[in-house]
């Protein structure tokens, strides 16, 4: 997958290892996708998520080492082949909470570019959204046919009809929440400099994204709920040139902003123009409730102010 990155190559990005003061790798750069899902308690949705997870595991199973969840812990795989998640989900009903973490890391402190996370809430009296999120290293994607990542994500969209979502370059951290949060202050310079880099913790962010989208990236998913607020898909399409590709899915659309994902560079005044164009068209449906894009910030940095700066980085 060719990626023009203003002086960076995919191999350069794969070599980026953000380390702490002890030399431990706390984050790497890779490709990620997060889909937020309505009615996560419904059996049809849960089975569809299970099939998507099975697809990811089949694709990268040789790189996966552990699975589990935050409550019970993440443990090493003991089965080969890995049990079908769709079959595991099938007996669950709408009152069951579902959470799954799958990773290529051997320990909570280790960072792997191969990760999958999902939370599907049980039915409540108020609206909730679940999510499915996955990551890949650029080296793996370079070995796939052209257009693999966007077609992979589009396949998930056709199965899941996401409420909203995004996909593109991002900073990948440990699947362990406490470890990931400890890394956040050291990621601050990267997030300030490179607007194309996503920072993601969907199990924390999703509660603030019930009424609005988190934001945009190279791939942006919008359901009819948001398209209608923007005047409809046709009206949105009419405002975008041929740099943008629309992929329909049942109940929404996935928009690709430019031929390749971009990292940008604020120090060079480089905000990816396609990202900027799309953001300006859809910012009216962005959530205003997300107060902390990261929980931990360096000393002297106001977390809420930084969050607003980051959410509106494509202005």
C-alpha atoms as a PDB file:
ATOM      1  CA  UNK A   1       0.000   0.000   0.000  1.00  0.00           C
ATOM      2  CA  UNK A   2       1.797   3.126  -1.205  1.00  0.00           C
ATOM      3  CA  UNK A   3       1.547   6.092   1.148  1.00  0.00           C
ATOM      4  CA  UNK A   4       3.052   9.488   0.259  1.00  0.00           C
ATOM      5  CA  UNK A   5       3.785  11.069   3.609  1.00  0.00           C
ATOM      6  CA  UNK A   6       5.651  14.280   2.952  1.00  0.00           C
ATOM      7  CA  UNK A   7       9.074  12.740   3.333  1.00  0.00           C
ATOM      8  CA  UNK A   8       7.972   9.668   5.280  1.00  0.00           C
ATOM      9  CA  UNK A   9       7.652   6.224   3.733  1.00  0.00           C
ATOM     10  CA  UNK A  10       5.592   3.334   5.184  1.00  0.00           C
ATOM     11  CA  UNK A  11       8.841   1.711   6.338  1.00  0.00           C
ATOM     12  CA  UNK A  12       9.822   4.938   8.075  1.00  0.00           C
ATOM     13  CA  UNK A  13       6.517   4.953   9.940  1.00  0.00           C
ATOM     14  CA  UNK A  14       6.821   1.297  10.894  1.00  0.00           C
ATOM     15  CA  UNK A  15      10.185   2.157  12.442  1.00  0.00           C
ATOM     16  CA  UNK A  16       8.680   4.850  14.684  1.00  0.00           C
ATOM     17  CA  UNK A  17       8.745   3.490  18.229  1.00  0.00           C
ATOM     18  CA  UNK A  18       7.739   5.891  20.976  1.00  0.00           C
ATOM     19  CA  UNK A  19       9.645   4.910  24.121  1.00  0.00           C
ATOM     20  CA  UNK A  20       9.468   5.858  27.769  1.00  0.00           C
ATOM     21  CA  UNK A  21      12.402   6.899  29.937  1.00  0.00           C
ATOM     22  CA  UNK A  22      13.323   3.252  30.524  1.00  0.00           C
ATOM     23  CA  UNK A  23      13.485   2.431  26.831  1.00  0.00           C
ATOM     24  CA  UNK A  24      10.176   0.540  26.773  1.00  0.00           C
ATOM     25  CA  UNK A  25       8.129   0.898  23.575  1.00  0.00           C
ATOM     26  CA  UNK A  26       4.813   2.515  24.522  1.00  0.00           C
ATOM     27  CA  UNK A  27       3.340   3.196  21.067  1.00  0.00           C
ATOM     28  CA  UNK A  28       3.871   2.511  17.366  1.00  0.00           C
ATOM     29  CA  UNK A  29       2.350   3.961  14.204  1.00  0.00           C
ATOM     30  CA  UNK A  30      -0.012   1.808  12.150  1.00  0.00           C
ATOM     31  CA  UNK A  31      -3.395   1.716  10.462  1.00  0.00           C
ATOM     32  CA  UNK A  32      -6.539   1.511  12.553  1.00  0.00           C
ATOM     33  CA  UNK A  33     -10.295   1.410  12.105  1.00  0.00           C
ATOM     34  CA  UNK A  34     -13.029   2.020  14.666  1.00  0.00           C
ATOM     35  CA  UNK A  35     -16.738   1.538  13.956  1.00  0.00           C
ATOM     36  CA  UNK A  36     -19.376   2.726  16.440  1.00  0.00           C
ATOM     37  CA  UNK A  37     -22.488   0.561  16.405  1.00  0.00           C
ATOM     38  CA  UNK A  38     -26.117   1.180  17.265  1.00  0.00           C
ATOM     39  CA  UNK A  39     -28.228  -1.426  19.098  1.00  0.00           C
ATOM     40  CA  UNK A  40     -25.194  -3.475  20.166  1.00  0.00           C
ATOM     41  CA  UNK A  41     -27.442  -5.794  22.208  1.00  0.00           C
ATOM     42  CA  UNK A  42     -29.338  -7.111  19.166  1.00  0.00           C
ATOM     43  CA  UNK A  43     -28.538 -10.695  18.180  1.00  0.00           C
ATOM     44  CA  UNK A  44     -28.173  -9.853  14.487  1.00  0.00           C
ATOM     45  CA  UNK A  45     -25.601  -7.143  15.249  1.00  0.00           C
ATOM     46  CA  UNK A  46     -23.669  -9.376  17.638  1.00  0.00           C
ATOM     47  CA  UNK A  47     -23.436 -12.224  15.155  1.00  0.00           C
ATOM     48  CA  UNK A  48     -22.263  -9.813  12.460  1.00  0.00           C
ATOM     49  CA  UNK A  49     -19.551  -8.500  14.795  1.00  0.00           C
ATOM     50  CA  UNK A  50     -18.541 -12.082  15.547  1.00  0.00           C
ATOM     51  CA  UNK A  51     -18.108 -12.817  11.845  1.00  0.00           C
ATOM     52  CA  UNK A  52     -16.002  -9.662  11.429  1.00  0.00           C
ATOM     53  CA  UNK A  53     -13.769 -10.695  14.327  1.00  0.00           C
ATOM     54  CA  UNK A  54     -13.407 -14.188  12.844  1.00  0.00           C
ATOM     55  CA  UNK A  55     -12.356 -12.585   9.557  1.00  0.00           C
ATOM     56  CA  UNK A  56      -9.666 -10.505  11.273  1.00  0.00           C
ATOM     57  CA  UNK A  57      -8.349 -13.492  13.249  1.00  0.00           C
ATOM     58  CA  UNK A  58      -8.168 -15.666  10.143  1.00  0.00           C
ATOM     59  CA  UNK A  59      -6.269 -12.936   8.319  1.00  0.00           C
ATOM     60  CA  UNK A  60      -3.611 -12.331  10.986  1.00  0.00           C
ATOM     61  CA  UNK A  61      -3.867 -15.419  13.232  1.00  0.00           C
ATOM     62  CA  UNK A  62      -0.142 -16.223  13.030  1.00  0.00           C
ATOM     63  CA  UNK A  63       0.579 -12.865  14.736  1.00  0.00           C
ATOM     64  CA  UNK A  64      -1.970 -13.175  17.562  1.00  0.00           C
ATOM     65  CA  UNK A  65      -0.891 -14.250  21.047  1.00  0.00           C
ATOM     66  CA  UNK A  66      -3.528 -13.375  23.669  1.00  0.00           C
ATOM     67  CA  UNK A  67      -7.244 -12.760  24.137  1.00  0.00           C
ATOM     68  CA  UNK A  68      -9.672 -11.873  26.947  1.00  0.00           C
ATOM     69  CA  UNK A  69     -11.158  -8.672  28.372  1.00  0.00           C
ATOM     70  CA  UNK A  70     -10.440  -5.930  30.895  1.00  0.00           C
ATOM     71  CA  UNK A  71     -12.419  -7.555  33.719  1.00  0.00           C
ATOM     72  CA  UNK A  72     -11.084 -11.106  33.496  1.00  0.00           C
ATOM     73  CA  UNK A  73      -7.684 -10.288  32.069  1.00  0.00           C
ATOM     74  CA  UNK A  74      -5.968 -11.103  28.775  1.00  0.00           C
ATOM     75  CA  UNK A  75      -4.446 -14.566  28.549  1.00  0.00           C
ATOM     76  CA  UNK A  76      -2.517 -16.616  26.008  1.00  0.00           C
ATOM     77  CA  UNK A  77      -4.351 -18.597  23.368  1.00  0.00           C
ATOM     78  CA  UNK A  78      -4.583 -22.262  24.249  1.00  0.00           C
ATOM     79  CA  UNK A  79      -6.566 -23.356  21.203  1.00  0.00           C
ATOM     80  CA  UNK A  80      -5.398 -23.919  17.646  1.00  0.00           C
ATOM     81  CA  UNK A  81      -7.283 -23.067  15.553  1.00  0.00           C
ATOM     82  CA  UNK A  82      -8.827 -20.213  17.508  1.00  0.00           C
ATOM     83  CA  UNK A  83     -12.484 -20.734  18.451  1.00  0.00           C
ATOM     84  CA  UNK A  84     -15.025 -18.965  16.234  1.00  0.00           C
ATOM     85  CA  UNK A  85     -16.181 -15.789  17.969  1.00  0.00           C
ATOM     86  CA  UNK A  86     -19.455 -15.870  16.014  1.00  0.00           C
ATOM     87  CA  UNK A  87     -20.178 -19.267  17.596  1.00  0.00           C
ATOM     88  CA  UNK A  88     -19.139 -17.938  21.010  1.00  0.00           C
ATOM     89  CA  UNK A  89     -21.521 -14.980  20.682  1.00  0.00           C
ATOM     90  CA  UNK A  90     -24.490 -16.968  19.382  1.00  0.00           C
ATOM     91  CA  UNK A  91     -25.841 -18.091  22.812  1.00  0.00           C
ATOM     92  CA  UNK A  92     -25.762 -14.551  24.262  1.00  0.00           C
ATOM     93  CA  UNK A  93     -29.004 -12.619  24.642  1.00  0.00           C
ATOM     94  CA  UNK A  94     -29.730  -8.897  24.876  1.00  0.00           C
ATOM     95  CA  UNK A  95     -29.111  -8.861  28.638  1.00  0.00           C
ATOM     96  CA  UNK A  96     -25.517 -10.122  28.270  1.00  0.00           C
ATOM     97  CA  UNK A  97     -22.578  -7.719  28.105  1.00  0.00           C
ATOM     98  CA  UNK A  98     -19.900  -8.683  25.567  1.00  0.00           C
ATOM     99  CA  UNK A  99     -16.281  -7.528  25.562  1.00  0.00           C
ATOM    100  CA  UNK A 100     -13.312  -8.982  23.724  1.00  0.00           C
ATOM    101  CA  UNK A 101      -9.647  -8.051  23.352  1.00  0.00           C
ATOM    102  CA  UNK A 102      -7.310  -9.857  20.950  1.00  0.00           C
ATOM    103  CA  UNK A 103      -3.665  -8.873  20.595  1.00  0.00           C
ATOM    104  CA  UNK A 104      -0.295  -9.896  19.262  1.00  0.00           C
ATOM    105  CA  UNK A 105       1.453  -8.750  22.444  1.00  0.00           C
ATOM    106  CA  UNK A 106       2.864 -11.233  24.939  1.00  0.00           C
ATOM    107  CA  UNK A 107       2.337  -8.954  27.967  1.00  0.00           C
ATOM    108  CA  UNK A 108       0.295  -5.886  28.950  1.00  0.00           C
ATOM    109  CA  UNK A 109       3.443  -3.758  28.823  1.00  0.00           C
ATOM    110  CA  UNK A 110       4.276  -4.810  25.261  1.00  0.00           C
ATOM    111  CA  UNK A 111       2.804  -3.013  22.248  1.00  0.00           C
ATOM    112  CA  UNK A 112       1.693  -4.977  19.196  1.00  0.00           C
ATOM    113  CA  UNK A 113       0.448  -3.495  15.903  1.00  0.00           C
ATOM    114  CA  UNK A 114      -2.053  -6.378  15.715  1.00  0.00           C
ATOM    115  CA  UNK A 115      -5.016  -5.667  17.993  1.00  0.00           C
ATOM    116  CA  UNK A 116      -8.774  -6.000  18.003  1.00  0.00           C
ATOM    117  CA  UNK A 117     -11.216  -4.696  20.595  1.00  0.00           C
ATOM    118  CA  UNK A 118     -14.978  -4.788  20.844  1.00  0.00           C
ATOM    119  CA  UNK A 119     -17.614  -3.887  23.408  1.00  0.00           C
ATOM    120  CA  UNK A 120     -21.289  -4.682  22.800  1.00  0.00           C
ATOM    121  CA  UNK A 121     -23.404  -3.387  25.653  1.00  0.00           C
ATOM    122  CA  UNK A 122     -26.448  -5.128  27.034  1.00  0.00           C
ATOM    123  CA  UNK A 123     -29.873  -3.546  26.540  1.00  0.00           C
ATOM    124  CA  UNK A 124     -30.605  -0.495  28.683  1.00  0.00           C
ATOM    125  CA  UNK A 125     -33.445   2.023  28.959  1.00  0.00           C
ATOM    126  CA  UNK A 126     -31.252   4.702  27.380  1.00  0.00           C
ATOM    127  CA  UNK A 127     -29.353   4.759  24.093  1.00  0.00           C
ATOM    128  CA  UNK A 128     -25.881   3.235  24.040  1.00  0.00           C
ATOM    129  CA  UNK A 129     -23.480   2.450  21.240  1.00  0.00           C
ATOM    130  CA  UNK A 130     -20.957  -0.369  21.001  1.00  0.00           C
ATOM    131  CA  UNK A 131     -17.832  -0.544  18.878  1.00  0.00           C
ATOM    132  CA  UNK A 132     -15.452  -2.729  16.925  1.00  0.00           C
ATOM    133  CA  UNK A 133     -11.852  -1.586  16.462  1.00  0.00           C
ATOM    134  CA  UNK A 134      -8.811  -3.173  14.798  1.00  0.00           C
ATOM    135  CA  UNK A 135      -5.222  -2.269  13.914  1.00  0.00           C
ATOM    136  CA  UNK A 136      -2.610  -3.372  11.359  1.00  0.00           C
ATOM    137  CA  UNK A 137       1.076  -2.575  10.811  1.00  0.00           C
ATOM    138  CA  UNK A 138       1.898  -0.828   7.546  1.00  0.00           C
ATOM    139  CA  UNK A 139       4.332  -3.590   6.609  1.00  0.00           C
ATOM    140  CA  UNK A 140       1.475  -6.119   6.587  1.00  0.00           C
ATOM    141  CA  UNK A 141      -0.729  -3.859   4.453  1.00  0.00           C
ATOM    142  CA  UNK A 142       2.076  -3.228   1.974  1.00  0.00           C
ATOM    143  CA  UNK A 143       2.076  -6.962   1.249  1.00  0.00           C
ATOM    144  CA  UNK A 144      -1.627  -6.950   0.349  1.00  0.00           C
ATOM    145  CA  UNK A 145      -3.233  -6.016  -2.998  1.00  0.00           C
ATOM    146  CA  UNK A 146      -3.833  -2.329  -3.751  1.00  0.00           C
ATOM    147  CA  UNK A 147      -6.908  -1.009  -1.970  1.00  0.00           C
ATOM    148  CA  UNK A 148      -6.922  -3.840   0.574  1.00  0.00           C
ATOM    149  CA  UNK A 149      -7.458  -1.719   3.698  1.00  0.00           C
ATOM    150  CA  UNK A 150     -10.374   0.317   2.387  1.00  0.00           C
ATOM    151  CA  UNK A 151     -12.062  -2.768   0.925  1.00  0.00           C
ATOM    152  CA  UNK A 152     -11.544  -4.643   4.188  1.00  0.00           C
ATOM    153  CA  UNK A 153     -13.140  -1.793   6.149  1.00  0.00           C
ATOM    154  CA  UNK A 154     -15.941  -1.438   3.602  1.00  0.00           C
ATOM    155  CA  UNK A 155     -16.691  -5.147   4.025  1.00  0.00           C
ATOM    156  CA  UNK A 156     -17.155  -4.583   7.752  1.00  0.00           C
ATOM    157  CA  UNK A 157     -19.377  -1.584   7.024  1.00  0.00           C
ATOM    158  CA  UNK A 158     -21.610  -3.656   4.739  1.00  0.00           C
ATOM    159  CA  UNK A 159     -22.011  -6.213   7.536  1.00  0.00           C
ATOM    160  CA  UNK A 160     -22.421  -3.804  10.448  1.00  0.00           C
ATOM    161  CA  UNK A 161     -23.982  -0.590   9.028  1.00  0.00           C
ATOM    162  CA  UNK A 162     -21.979   1.549  11.485  1.00  0.00           C
ATOM    163  CA  UNK A 163     -23.501   4.585  13.142  1.00  0.00           C
ATOM    164  CA  UNK A 164     -20.238   6.417  12.493  1.00  0.00           C
ATOM    165  CA  UNK A 165     -16.532   5.676  12.469  1.00  0.00           C
ATOM    166  CA  UNK A 166     -13.073   6.389  11.057  1.00  0.00           C
ATOM    167  CA  UNK A 167     -10.004   4.661   9.686  1.00  0.00           C
ATOM    168  CA  UNK A 168      -6.473   5.798   8.955  1.00  0.00           C
ATOM    169  CA  UNK A 169      -3.041   6.250  10.454  1.00  0.00           C
ATOM    170  CA  UNK A 170      -2.900   6.208  14.225  1.00  0.00           C
ATOM    171  CA  UNK A 171      -0.834   5.753  17.352  1.00  0.00           C
ATOM    172  CA  UNK A 172      -1.229   2.170  18.571  1.00  0.00           C
ATOM    173  CA  UNK A 173      -0.795   1.551  22.290  1.00  0.00           C
ATOM    174  CA  UNK A 174      -1.081  -1.394  24.656  1.00  0.00           C
ATOM    175  CA  UNK A 175      -4.497  -3.067  24.819  1.00  0.00           C
ATOM    176  CA  UNK A 176      -4.263  -2.667  28.610  1.00  0.00           C
ATOM    177  CA  UNK A 177      -6.035   0.576  29.549  1.00  0.00           C
ATOM    178  CA  UNK A 178      -3.779   1.498  32.474  1.00  0.00           C
ATOM    179  CA  UNK A 179      -0.633   0.927  30.393  1.00  0.00           C
ATOM    180  CA  UNK A 180      -2.077   2.881  27.471  1.00  0.00           C
ATOM    181  CA  UNK A 181      -2.945   5.839  29.682  1.00  0.00           C
ATOM    182  CA  UNK A 182       0.516   5.980  31.221  1.00  0.00           C
ATOM    183  CA  UNK A 183       1.865   6.440  27.692  1.00  0.00           C
ATOM    184  CA  UNK A 184      -0.306   9.441  26.887  1.00  0.00           C
ATOM    185  CA  UNK A 185       1.919  12.310  28.104  1.00  0.00           C
ATOM    186  CA  UNK A 186       4.770  11.040  25.919  1.00  0.00           C
ATOM    187  CA  UNK A 187       2.501  10.953  22.858  1.00  0.00           C
ATOM    188  CA  UNK A 188       1.540  14.598  23.184  1.00  0.00           C
ATOM    189  CA  UNK A 189       4.292  15.971  20.872  1.00  0.00           C
ATOM    190  CA  UNK A 190       3.302  13.501  18.120  1.00  0.00           C
ATOM    191  CA  UNK A 191      -0.364  14.432  18.397  1.00  0.00           C
ATOM    192  CA  UNK A 192       0.422  18.141  18.273  1.00  0.00           C
ATOM    193  CA  UNK A 193       2.643  17.800  15.225  1.00  0.00           C
ATOM    194  CA  UNK A 194       0.932  15.201  13.005  1.00  0.00           C
ATOM    195  CA  UNK A 195      -2.804  15.900  12.485  1.00  0.00           C
ATOM    196  CA  UNK A 196      -3.354  12.734  10.439  1.00  0.00           C
ATOM    197  CA  UNK A 197      -2.543  10.501  13.423  1.00  0.00           C
ATOM    198  CA  UNK A 198      -5.607   9.136  15.209  1.00  0.00           C
ATOM    199  CA  UNK A 199      -5.541   8.631  18.982  1.00  0.00           C
ATOM    200  CA  UNK A 200      -8.125   6.124  20.055  1.00  0.00           C
ATOM    201  CA  UNK A 201      -9.667   4.661  23.186  1.00  0.00           C
ATOM    202  CA  UNK A 202     -13.184   3.821  21.946  1.00  0.00           C
ATOM    203  CA  UNK A 203     -14.405   2.132  25.135  1.00  0.00           C
ATOM    204  CA  UNK A 204     -13.873   5.522  26.819  1.00  0.00           C
ATOM    205  CA  UNK A 205     -14.840   7.773  23.899  1.00  0.00           C
ATOM    206  CA  UNK A 206     -18.047   5.977  22.864  1.00  0.00           C
ATOM    207  CA  UNK A 207     -20.170   7.340  25.718  1.00  0.00           C
ATOM    208  CA  UNK A 208     -19.543  10.843  24.341  1.00  0.00           C
ATOM    209  CA  UNK A 209     -20.274   9.847  20.730  1.00  0.00           C
ATOM    210  CA  UNK A 210     -23.934   8.843  21.048  1.00  0.00           C
ATOM    211  CA  UNK A 211     -25.234  12.094  19.532  1.00  0.00           C
ATOM    212  CA  UNK A 212     -22.274  13.145  17.404  1.00  0.00           C
ATOM    213  CA  UNK A 213     -19.297  11.773  15.507  1.00  0.00           C
ATOM    214  CA  UNK A 214     -15.847  11.807  17.098  1.00  0.00           C
ATOM    215  CA  UNK A 215     -14.251  13.177  13.929  1.00  0.00           C
ATOM    216  CA  UNK A 216     -12.864  12.303  10.508  1.00  0.00           C
ATOM    217  CA  UNK A 217      -9.804  10.603   9.079  1.00  0.00           C
ATOM    218  CA  UNK A 218      -8.764   9.086   5.745  1.00  0.00           C
ATOM    219  CA  UNK A 219     -11.866   6.901   5.913  1.00  0.00           C
ATOM    220  CA  UNK A 220     -14.980   8.378   7.519  1.00  0.00           C
ATOM    221  CA  UNK A 221     -18.232   6.488   8.089  1.00  0.00           C
ATOM    222  CA  UNK A 222     -21.528   8.366   8.354  1.00  0.00           C
ATOM    223  CA  UNK A 223     -24.945   6.785   8.850  1.00  0.00           C
ATOM    224  CA  UNK A 224     -28.169   8.244   7.456  1.00  0.00           C
ATOM    225  CA  UNK A 225     -28.748   9.829  10.868  1.00  0.00           C
ATOM    226  CA  UNK A 226     -25.815  12.181  10.239  1.00  0.00           C
ATOM    227  CA  UNK A 227     -26.164  12.419   6.460  1.00  0.00           C
ATOM    228  CA  UNK A 228     -29.658  13.829   6.858  1.00  0.00           C
ATOM    229  CA  UNK A 229     -28.357  16.517   9.191  1.00  0.00           C
ATOM    230  CA  UNK A 230     -25.822  17.421   6.492  1.00  0.00           C
ATOM    231  CA  UNK A 231     -28.475  17.738   3.799  1.00  0.00           C
ATOM    232  CA  UNK A 232     -28.224  14.167   2.500  1.00  0.00           C
ATOM    233  CA  UNK A 233     -25.561  12.086   0.776  1.00  0.00           C
ATOM    234  CA  UNK A 234     -26.142  13.660  -2.641  1.00  0.00           C
ATOM    235  CA  UNK A 235     -25.701  17.175  -1.257  1.00  0.00           C
ATOM    236  CA  UNK A 236     -22.496  16.152   0.511  1.00  0.00           C
ATOM    237  CA  UNK A 237     -21.173  14.415  -2.606  1.00  0.00           C
ATOM    238  CA  UNK A 238     -21.876  17.497  -4.726  1.00  0.00           C
ATOM    239  CA  UNK A 239     -19.541  19.564  -2.524  1.00  0.00           C
ATOM    240  CA  UNK A 240     -16.594  17.189  -2.935  1.00  0.00           C
ATOM    241  CA  UNK A 241     -14.398  16.675  -5.994  1.00  0.00           C
ATOM    242  CA  UNK A 242     -12.967  13.514  -7.517  1.00  0.00           C
ATOM    243  CA  UNK A 243     -10.352  13.274  -4.733  1.00  0.00           C
ATOM    244  CA  UNK A 244     -13.121  11.715  -2.635  1.00  0.00           C
ATOM    245  CA  UNK A 245     -14.490   8.200  -3.106  1.00  0.00           C
ATOM    246  CA  UNK A 246     -17.904   7.213  -1.707  1.00  0.00           C
ATOM    247  CA  UNK A 247     -18.519   3.588  -0.689  1.00  0.00           C
ATOM    248  CA  UNK A 248     -22.178   2.905   0.072  1.00  0.00           C
ATOM    249  CA  UNK A 249     -23.249   0.526   2.801  1.00  0.00           C
ATOM    250  CA  UNK A 250     -26.751  -0.268   4.122  1.00  0.00           C
ATOM    251  CA  UNK A 251     -27.817   2.826   6.036  1.00  0.00           C
ATOM    252  CA  UNK A 252     -24.804   4.987   5.334  1.00  0.00           C
ATOM    253  CA  UNK A 253     -21.617   5.753   3.442  1.00  0.00           C
ATOM    254  CA  UNK A 254     -17.848   5.432   3.860  1.00  0.00           C
ATOM    255  CA  UNK A 255     -15.920   8.393   2.453  1.00  0.00           C
ATOM    256  CA  UNK A 256     -12.280   8.091   1.411  1.00  0.00           C
ATOM    257  CA  UNK A 257     -10.476  11.450   1.560  1.00  0.00           C
ATOM    258  CA  UNK A 258      -7.783  11.304  -1.097  1.00  0.00           C
ATOM    259  CA  UNK A 259      -6.004   8.333  -2.662  1.00  0.00           C
ATOM    260  CA  UNK A 260      -3.754   7.644   0.343  1.00  0.00           C
ATOM    261  CA  UNK A 261      -3.764   8.179   4.126  1.00  0.00           C
ATOM    262  CA  UNK A 262      -1.716  11.206   5.127  1.00  0.00           C
ATOM    263  CA  UNK A 263       0.082  12.127   8.315  1.00  0.00           C
ATOM    264  CA  UNK A 264       0.462  15.893   7.741  1.00  0.00           C
ATOM    265  CA  UNK A 265       2.922  18.049   9.685  1.00  0.00           C
ATOM    266  CA  UNK A 266       1.887  21.140  11.644  1.00  0.00           C
ATOM    267  CA  UNK A 267       5.513  22.275  11.885  1.00  0.00           C
ATOM    268  CA  UNK A 268       5.541  22.604   8.089  1.00  0.00           C
ATOM    269  CA  UNK A 269       2.041  24.092   7.964  1.00  0.00           C
ATOM    270  CA  UNK A 270       0.808  20.941   6.297  1.00  0.00           C
ATOM    271  CA  UNK A 271      -2.776  19.979   7.095  1.00  0.00           C
ATOM    272  CA  UNK A 272      -3.933  17.309   4.601  1.00  0.00           C
ATOM    273  CA  UNK A 273      -6.225  19.314   2.320  1.00  0.00           C
ATOM    274  CA  UNK A 274      -8.735  16.535   1.659  1.00  0.00           C
ATOM    275  CA  UNK A 275      -9.107  15.914   5.385  1.00  0.00           C
ATOM    276  CA  UNK A 276      -9.573  19.633   5.931  1.00  0.00           C
ATOM    277  CA  UNK A 277     -12.205  19.886   3.202  1.00  0.00           C
ATOM    278  CA  UNK A 278     -14.229  16.975   4.535  1.00  0.00           C
ATOM    279  CA  UNK A 279     -13.948  18.109   8.133  1.00  0.00           C
ATOM    280  CA  UNK A 280     -15.287  21.558   7.339  1.00  0.00           C
ATOM    281  CA  UNK A 281     -18.341  19.990   5.684  1.00  0.00           C
ATOM    282  CA  UNK A 282     -19.181  17.595   8.519  1.00  0.00           C
ATOM    283  CA  UNK A 283     -18.003  19.438  11.646  1.00  0.00           C
ATOM    284  CA  UNK A 284     -21.590  20.439  12.485  1.00  0.00           C
ATOM    285  CA  UNK A 285     -22.315  16.799  13.445  1.00  0.00           C
ATOM    286  CA  UNK A 286     -19.185  16.393  15.573  1.00  0.00           C
ATOM    287  CA  UNK A 287     -19.793  15.749  19.272  1.00  0.00           C
ATOM    288  CA  UNK A 288     -19.250  18.637  21.660  1.00  0.00           C
ATOM    289  CA  UNK A 289     -19.306  16.362  24.696  1.00  0.00           C
ATOM    290  CA  UNK A 290     -15.868  14.778  24.472  1.00  0.00           C
ATOM    291  CA  UNK A 291     -13.821  16.521  27.157  1.00  0.00           C
ATOM    292  CA  UNK A 292     -10.659  14.406  27.196  1.00  0.00           C
ATOM    293  CA  UNK A 293      -9.255  12.854  24.033  1.00  0.00           C
ATOM    294  CA  UNK A 294      -6.491  11.621  26.344  1.00  0.00           C
ATOM    295  CA  UNK A 295      -6.685  11.346  30.125  1.00  0.00           C
ATOM    296  CA  UNK A 296      -3.049  12.034  30.965  1.00  0.00           C
ATOM    297  CA  UNK A 297      -1.182  15.065  29.599  1.00  0.00           C
ATOM    298  CA  UNK A 298       2.290  16.526  30.242  1.00  0.00           C
ATOM    299  CA  UNK A 299       2.719  18.918  33.134  1.00  0.00           C
ATOM    300  CA  UNK A 300       1.523  22.390  32.223  1.00  0.00           C
ATOM    301  CA  UNK A 301      -0.914  21.208  29.520  1.00  0.00           C
ATOM    302  CA  UNK A 302      -4.647  21.701  30.019  1.00  0.00           C
ATOM    303  CA  UNK A 303      -6.347  18.442  28.976  1.00  0.00           C
ATOM    304  CA  UNK A 304      -9.651  20.053  27.961  1.00  0.00           C
ATOM    305  CA  UNK A 305      -7.964  22.774  25.913  1.00  0.00           C
ATOM    306  CA  UNK A 306      -5.756  20.216  24.183  1.00  0.00           C
ATOM    307  CA  UNK A 307      -8.794  18.051  23.439  1.00  0.00           C
ATOM    308  CA  UNK A 308     -10.562  20.942  21.719  1.00  0.00           C
ATOM    309  CA  UNK A 309      -7.409  21.777  19.780  1.00  0.00           C
ATOM    310  CA  UNK A 310      -7.045  18.167  18.637  1.00  0.00           C
ATOM    311  CA  UNK A 311     -10.713  17.650  17.738  1.00  0.00           C
ATOM    312  CA  UNK A 312     -10.606  20.790  15.563  1.00  0.00           C
ATOM    313  CA  UNK A 313      -7.127  20.226  14.124  1.00  0.00           C
ATOM    314  CA  UNK A 314      -8.461  20.184  10.551  1.00  0.00           C
ATOM    315  CA  UNK A 315     -10.026  23.668  10.785  1.00  0.00           C
END
